[in-house]
N, C-alpha and C. Protein backbone atom coordinates (compact mmCIF):
# COMPACT_ATOMS: atom_id res chain seq x y z
N MET A 1 -58.03 -19.23 49.73
CA MET A 1 -56.86 -20.06 49.49
C MET A 1 -56.84 -20.45 48.01
N THR A 2 -55.78 -20.10 47.33
CA THR A 2 -55.65 -20.46 45.92
C THR A 2 -54.92 -21.78 45.78
N GLU A 3 -55.43 -22.53 44.85
CA GLU A 3 -54.84 -23.84 44.59
C GLU A 3 -53.82 -23.72 43.46
N GLN A 4 -52.65 -24.26 43.67
CA GLN A 4 -51.60 -24.24 42.66
C GLN A 4 -51.71 -25.49 41.80
N LEU A 5 -51.78 -25.28 40.50
CA LEU A 5 -51.81 -26.41 39.58
C LEU A 5 -50.41 -26.68 39.08
N LYS A 6 -50.08 -27.95 39.00
CA LYS A 6 -48.78 -28.36 38.51
C LYS A 6 -48.85 -28.50 36.99
N ASP A 7 -47.81 -28.07 36.29
CA ASP A 7 -47.75 -28.26 34.85
C ASP A 7 -47.75 -29.75 34.54
N PHE A 8 -48.52 -30.12 33.52
CA PHE A 8 -48.59 -31.52 33.11
C PHE A 8 -47.33 -31.88 32.34
N ASP A 9 -46.70 -32.98 32.69
CA ASP A 9 -45.51 -33.47 32.00
C ASP A 9 -45.75 -34.92 31.62
N ILE A 10 -45.97 -35.15 30.33
CA ILE A 10 -46.27 -36.50 29.84
C ILE A 10 -45.17 -37.49 30.20
N ALA A 11 -43.92 -37.03 30.28
CA ALA A 11 -42.80 -37.93 30.58
C ALA A 11 -43.00 -38.63 31.92
N GLU A 12 -43.68 -37.98 32.85
CA GLU A 12 -43.93 -38.59 34.16
C GLU A 12 -44.93 -39.75 34.07
N HIS A 13 -45.67 -39.81 32.97
CA HIS A 13 -46.72 -40.82 32.82
C HIS A 13 -46.34 -41.93 31.84
N LEU A 14 -45.18 -41.81 31.23
CA LEU A 14 -44.71 -42.83 30.30
C LEU A 14 -43.87 -43.84 31.09
N THR A 15 -44.55 -44.70 31.80
CA THR A 15 -43.87 -45.59 32.75
C THR A 15 -43.75 -47.03 32.28
N SER A 16 -44.34 -47.35 31.14
CA SER A 16 -44.23 -48.72 30.63
C SER A 16 -43.94 -48.68 29.13
N GLU A 17 -43.43 -49.79 28.63
CA GLU A 17 -43.15 -49.89 27.20
C GLU A 17 -44.43 -49.74 26.39
N GLU A 18 -45.51 -50.31 26.89
CA GLU A 18 -46.79 -50.22 26.18
C GLU A 18 -47.27 -48.77 26.08
N GLU A 19 -47.17 -48.01 27.18
CA GLU A 19 -47.58 -46.61 27.17
C GLU A 19 -46.74 -45.81 26.19
N ILE A 20 -45.44 -46.08 26.16
CA ILE A 20 -44.53 -45.37 25.25
C ILE A 20 -44.90 -45.68 23.80
N GLN A 21 -45.15 -46.94 23.48
CA GLN A 21 -45.52 -47.32 22.12
C GLN A 21 -46.85 -46.69 21.70
N LEU A 22 -47.84 -46.75 22.58
CA LEU A 22 -49.13 -46.15 22.27
C LEU A 22 -49.00 -44.65 22.04
N TYR A 23 -48.24 -43.99 22.90
CA TYR A 23 -48.04 -42.55 22.79
C TYR A 23 -47.38 -42.19 21.47
N LEU A 24 -46.27 -42.84 21.15
CA LEU A 24 -45.55 -42.49 19.92
C LEU A 24 -46.38 -42.85 18.68
N ASN A 25 -47.06 -43.97 18.69
CA ASN A 25 -47.90 -44.33 17.54
C ASN A 25 -49.02 -43.32 17.33
N GLU A 26 -49.59 -42.83 18.41
CA GLU A 26 -50.64 -41.81 18.29
C GLU A 26 -50.07 -40.51 17.72
N ILE A 27 -48.92 -40.11 18.20
CA ILE A 27 -48.26 -38.90 17.70
C ILE A 27 -47.91 -39.04 16.23
N LEU A 28 -47.42 -40.21 15.82
CA LEU A 28 -47.06 -40.43 14.42
C LEU A 28 -48.26 -40.26 13.49
N GLN A 29 -49.45 -40.54 13.97
CA GLN A 29 -50.66 -40.38 13.16
C GLN A 29 -50.90 -38.92 12.78
N GLU A 30 -50.37 -38.01 13.57
CA GLU A 30 -50.55 -36.57 13.30
C GLU A 30 -49.71 -36.08 12.13
N GLU A 31 -48.66 -36.81 11.80
CA GLU A 31 -47.76 -36.47 10.69
C GLU A 31 -47.19 -35.05 10.82
N ASN A 32 -46.88 -34.66 12.05
CA ASN A 32 -46.32 -33.35 12.35
C ASN A 32 -44.91 -33.56 12.88
N VAL A 33 -43.91 -33.14 12.11
CA VAL A 33 -42.51 -33.40 12.45
C VAL A 33 -42.14 -32.83 13.81
N GLU A 34 -42.53 -31.58 14.08
CA GLU A 34 -42.18 -30.97 15.37
C GLU A 34 -42.80 -31.75 16.53
N LEU A 35 -44.01 -32.21 16.35
CA LEU A 35 -44.69 -32.98 17.39
C LEU A 35 -44.01 -34.33 17.60
N ILE A 36 -43.59 -34.96 16.52
CA ILE A 36 -42.89 -36.25 16.61
C ILE A 36 -41.57 -36.08 17.35
N LEU A 37 -40.81 -35.05 17.00
CA LEU A 37 -39.53 -34.80 17.68
C LEU A 37 -39.76 -34.51 19.16
N SER A 38 -40.79 -33.74 19.45
CA SER A 38 -41.12 -33.44 20.84
C SER A 38 -41.48 -34.71 21.60
N ALA A 39 -42.23 -35.61 20.96
CA ALA A 39 -42.61 -36.87 21.59
C ALA A 39 -41.37 -37.73 21.87
N LEU A 40 -40.43 -37.76 20.93
CA LEU A 40 -39.19 -38.49 21.17
C LEU A 40 -38.45 -37.90 22.37
N GLY A 41 -38.48 -36.58 22.49
CA GLY A 41 -37.88 -35.92 23.65
C GLY A 41 -38.59 -36.30 24.94
N ASP A 42 -39.91 -36.38 24.90
CA ASP A 42 -40.68 -36.80 26.08
C ASP A 42 -40.27 -38.21 26.51
N ILE A 43 -40.14 -39.09 25.53
CA ILE A 43 -39.77 -40.48 25.82
C ILE A 43 -38.35 -40.54 26.37
N ALA A 44 -37.45 -39.76 25.78
CA ALA A 44 -36.06 -39.72 26.27
C ALA A 44 -36.01 -39.23 27.71
N ARG A 45 -36.80 -38.20 28.03
CA ARG A 45 -36.84 -37.70 29.41
C ARG A 45 -37.41 -38.75 30.35
N ALA A 46 -38.40 -39.50 29.88
CA ALA A 46 -39.00 -40.54 30.71
C ALA A 46 -38.01 -41.66 31.00
N ARG A 47 -37.09 -41.88 30.08
CA ARG A 47 -36.16 -43.01 30.21
C ARG A 47 -34.78 -42.61 30.72
N ASN A 48 -34.49 -41.35 30.88
CA ASN A 48 -33.21 -40.83 31.35
C ASN A 48 -32.46 -40.20 30.17
N MET A 49 -32.67 -38.93 30.02
CA MET A 49 -32.13 -38.16 28.89
C MET A 49 -30.62 -38.32 28.76
N SER A 50 -29.90 -38.28 29.86
CA SER A 50 -28.44 -38.38 29.80
C SER A 50 -27.99 -39.72 29.24
N GLN A 51 -28.64 -40.80 29.69
CA GLN A 51 -28.28 -42.13 29.19
C GLN A 51 -28.64 -42.29 27.72
N ILE A 52 -29.78 -41.78 27.32
CA ILE A 52 -30.20 -41.87 25.92
C ILE A 52 -29.22 -41.10 25.05
N ALA A 53 -28.79 -39.92 25.51
CA ALA A 53 -27.82 -39.13 24.75
C ALA A 53 -26.52 -39.91 24.58
N ARG A 54 -26.03 -40.51 25.66
CA ARG A 54 -24.80 -41.31 25.56
C ARG A 54 -24.98 -42.47 24.57
N ASP A 55 -26.10 -43.17 24.69
CA ASP A 55 -26.36 -44.31 23.81
C ASP A 55 -26.48 -43.89 22.34
N ALA A 56 -26.92 -42.66 22.11
CA ALA A 56 -27.07 -42.15 20.75
C ALA A 56 -25.77 -41.50 20.25
N GLY A 57 -24.76 -41.42 21.12
CA GLY A 57 -23.49 -40.81 20.73
C GLY A 57 -23.57 -39.30 20.64
N MET A 58 -24.39 -38.70 21.51
CA MET A 58 -24.59 -37.25 21.51
C MET A 58 -24.38 -36.71 22.91
N SER A 59 -24.24 -35.39 22.99
CA SER A 59 -24.24 -34.75 24.30
C SER A 59 -25.70 -34.59 24.74
N ARG A 60 -25.90 -34.46 26.02
CA ARG A 60 -27.25 -34.25 26.55
C ARG A 60 -27.85 -32.98 25.96
N GLU A 61 -27.03 -31.92 25.90
CA GLU A 61 -27.49 -30.65 25.36
C GLU A 61 -27.83 -30.78 23.87
N GLY A 62 -27.00 -31.54 23.15
CA GLY A 62 -27.24 -31.76 21.73
C GLY A 62 -28.54 -32.50 21.49
N LEU A 63 -28.84 -33.46 22.36
CA LEU A 63 -30.08 -34.21 22.23
C LEU A 63 -31.28 -33.31 22.52
N TYR A 64 -31.19 -32.51 23.59
CA TYR A 64 -32.27 -31.56 23.88
C TYR A 64 -32.51 -30.64 22.69
N LYS A 65 -31.44 -30.11 22.11
CA LYS A 65 -31.58 -29.19 20.98
C LYS A 65 -32.18 -29.89 19.77
N ALA A 66 -31.70 -31.09 19.46
CA ALA A 66 -32.20 -31.83 18.30
C ALA A 66 -33.70 -32.10 18.40
N LEU A 67 -34.18 -32.35 19.60
CA LEU A 67 -35.58 -32.71 19.79
C LEU A 67 -36.46 -31.55 20.21
N SER A 68 -35.90 -30.35 20.21
CA SER A 68 -36.67 -29.17 20.58
C SER A 68 -37.39 -28.60 19.36
N GLY A 69 -38.26 -27.66 19.59
CA GLY A 69 -38.97 -27.01 18.50
C GLY A 69 -38.05 -26.29 17.54
N SER A 70 -36.90 -25.85 18.02
CA SER A 70 -35.95 -25.14 17.15
C SER A 70 -34.93 -26.08 16.53
N GLY A 71 -34.97 -27.34 16.90
CA GLY A 71 -34.02 -28.31 16.36
C GLY A 71 -34.40 -28.73 14.95
N ASN A 72 -33.41 -29.15 14.21
CA ASN A 72 -33.63 -29.65 12.85
C ASN A 72 -32.69 -30.83 12.63
N PRO A 73 -32.95 -31.95 13.34
CA PRO A 73 -32.01 -33.07 13.27
C PRO A 73 -32.06 -33.75 11.91
N THR A 74 -30.95 -34.36 11.55
CA THR A 74 -30.92 -35.17 10.34
C THR A 74 -31.69 -36.46 10.60
N PHE A 75 -32.03 -37.15 9.53
CA PHE A 75 -32.71 -38.43 9.68
C PHE A 75 -31.80 -39.41 10.41
N ALA A 76 -30.50 -39.32 10.14
CA ALA A 76 -29.54 -40.20 10.82
C ALA A 76 -29.58 -39.98 12.33
N THR A 77 -29.70 -38.73 12.76
CA THR A 77 -29.79 -38.42 14.18
C THR A 77 -31.06 -39.01 14.77
N VAL A 78 -32.18 -38.85 14.07
CA VAL A 78 -33.44 -39.41 14.55
C VAL A 78 -33.33 -40.92 14.69
N MET A 79 -32.69 -41.57 13.73
CA MET A 79 -32.53 -43.02 13.80
C MET A 79 -31.63 -43.43 14.97
N LYS A 80 -30.58 -42.66 15.25
CA LYS A 80 -29.73 -42.95 16.41
C LYS A 80 -30.52 -42.84 17.71
N VAL A 81 -31.35 -41.80 17.79
CA VAL A 81 -32.18 -41.61 18.98
C VAL A 81 -33.18 -42.75 19.11
N MET A 82 -33.82 -43.12 18.01
CA MET A 82 -34.77 -44.24 18.04
C MET A 82 -34.08 -45.52 18.52
N LYS A 83 -32.88 -45.77 18.02
CA LYS A 83 -32.14 -46.97 18.44
C LYS A 83 -31.81 -46.90 19.93
N ALA A 84 -31.37 -45.73 20.40
CA ALA A 84 -31.05 -45.56 21.82
C ALA A 84 -32.29 -45.76 22.69
N LEU A 85 -33.46 -45.42 22.15
CA LEU A 85 -34.72 -45.60 22.87
C LEU A 85 -35.27 -47.02 22.72
N ASN A 86 -34.54 -47.84 21.96
CA ASN A 86 -34.97 -49.21 21.68
C ASN A 86 -36.32 -49.24 20.96
N LEU A 87 -36.48 -48.31 20.01
CA LEU A 87 -37.68 -48.21 19.20
C LEU A 87 -37.29 -48.29 17.73
N LYS A 88 -38.25 -48.64 16.88
CA LYS A 88 -37.98 -48.64 15.44
C LYS A 88 -39.24 -48.26 14.69
N PHE A 89 -39.03 -47.73 13.49
CA PHE A 89 -40.15 -47.43 12.60
C PHE A 89 -40.53 -48.70 11.87
N GLN A 90 -41.81 -48.84 11.58
CA GLN A 90 -42.28 -49.97 10.80
C GLN A 90 -43.18 -49.43 9.70
N VAL A 91 -42.94 -49.87 8.47
CA VAL A 91 -43.69 -49.37 7.32
C VAL A 91 -44.91 -50.25 7.09
N GLN A 92 -46.03 -49.60 6.80
CA GLN A 92 -47.22 -50.32 6.41
C GLN A 92 -47.95 -49.52 5.34
N GLN A 93 -48.83 -50.18 4.62
CA GLN A 93 -49.57 -49.53 3.55
C GLN A 93 -50.43 -48.42 4.13
N SER A 94 -50.40 -47.26 3.47
CA SER A 94 -51.23 -46.13 3.88
C SER A 94 -52.65 -46.35 3.36
N HIS A 95 -53.61 -45.86 4.09
CA HIS A 95 -55.01 -45.99 3.67
C HIS A 95 -55.47 -44.79 2.85
N PHE A 96 -54.54 -43.88 2.55
CA PHE A 96 -54.88 -42.70 1.77
C PHE A 96 -54.60 -42.94 0.31
N ALA A 97 -55.45 -42.40 -0.54
CA ALA A 97 -55.26 -42.57 -2.00
C ALA A 97 -54.31 -41.54 -2.53
């Protein structure tokens, strides 16, 4: 008997505001734009992609594309998505010289 493994989907585990903040803050440490966009997509899926798209003034398909590996959203689009997710960036001093 073979056991079927289910694909891991982080969006299923982002069930609290604290988990979402910890996840995104950890991803931001990587400084990888594609990974950051993908994480925003994970959070949007966890919170209801269709509603986030509406709140950001985008189509659902447009939001998926913007946050996909092939997407290249403007900074304005990223900020609209962040606002729709009720998240914001906060600047702090870098520890790098």
